[in-house]
Amino acid sequence: MLARLKYGKTNAVLFTTYIGSSMSNLQAIIEAAFEKRAEITPKNR
């Protein structure tokens, strides 16, 4: 249990670090994807 908790915490830290480092890049990708999706999907939804 303790080992799993420790692993989970380490995983969370790595995940947050990765998110933090690539947040601006990720934001740009998400915005571009949403713009593309807005173009593709019909407006009358």
Protein backbone atom coordinates (compact mmCIF):
# COMPACT_ATOMS: atom_id res chain seq x y z
CA MET A 1 0.00 0.00 0.00
CA LEU A 2 2.73 2.43 1.01
CA ALA A 3 4.80 1.54 -2.03
CA ARG A 4 1.84 2.12 -4.31
CA LEU A 5 1.13 5.46 -2.63
CA LYS A 6 4.75 6.49 -3.06
CA TYR A 7 4.70 5.45 -6.72
CA GLY A 8 1.45 7.31 -7.26
CA LYS A 9 2.89 10.46 -5.73
CA THR A 10 6.03 10.24 -7.89
CA ASN A 11 3.86 9.63 -10.93
CA ALA A 12 1.75 12.68 -10.08
CA VAL A 13 4.86 14.85 -9.70
CA LEU A 14 6.25 13.67 -13.04
CA PHE A 15 2.87 14.23 -14.65
CA THR A 16 2.56 17.76 -13.25
CA THR A 17 6.11 18.60 -14.32
CA TYR A 18 5.39 17.32 -17.83
CA ILE A 19 2.12 19.26 -17.98
CA GLY A 20 3.80 22.42 -16.72
CA SER A 21 6.63 22.21 -19.24
CA SER A 22 4.39 21.56 -22.23
CA MET A 23 1.37 23.62 -21.13
CA SER A 24 1.79 26.48 -23.60
CA ASN A 25 2.45 24.04 -26.45
CA LEU A 26 -0.53 21.94 -25.39
CA GLN A 27 -2.73 25.03 -25.19
CA ALA A 28 -1.80 25.98 -28.76
CA ILE A 29 -2.53 22.46 -30.00
CA ILE A 30 -5.90 22.36 -28.23
CA GLU A 31 -6.92 25.76 -29.58
CA ALA A 32 -5.94 24.75 -33.11
CA ALA A 33 -7.88 21.50 -32.77
CA PHE A 34 -10.97 23.32 -31.53
CA GLU A 35 -10.77 25.82 -34.37
CA LYS A 36 -10.52 22.97 -36.88
CA ARG A 37 -13.43 21.16 -35.23
CA ALA A 38 -15.51 24.34 -35.30
CA GLU A 39 -14.84 24.57 -39.04
CA ILE A 40 -15.72 20.91 -39.64
CA THR A 41 -18.85 20.54 -37.50
CA PRO A 42 -22.04 22.25 -38.67
CA LYS A 43 -23.15 25.27 -36.66
CA ASN A 44 -26.84 24.26 -36.34
CA ARG A 45 -26.24 21.87 -33.42
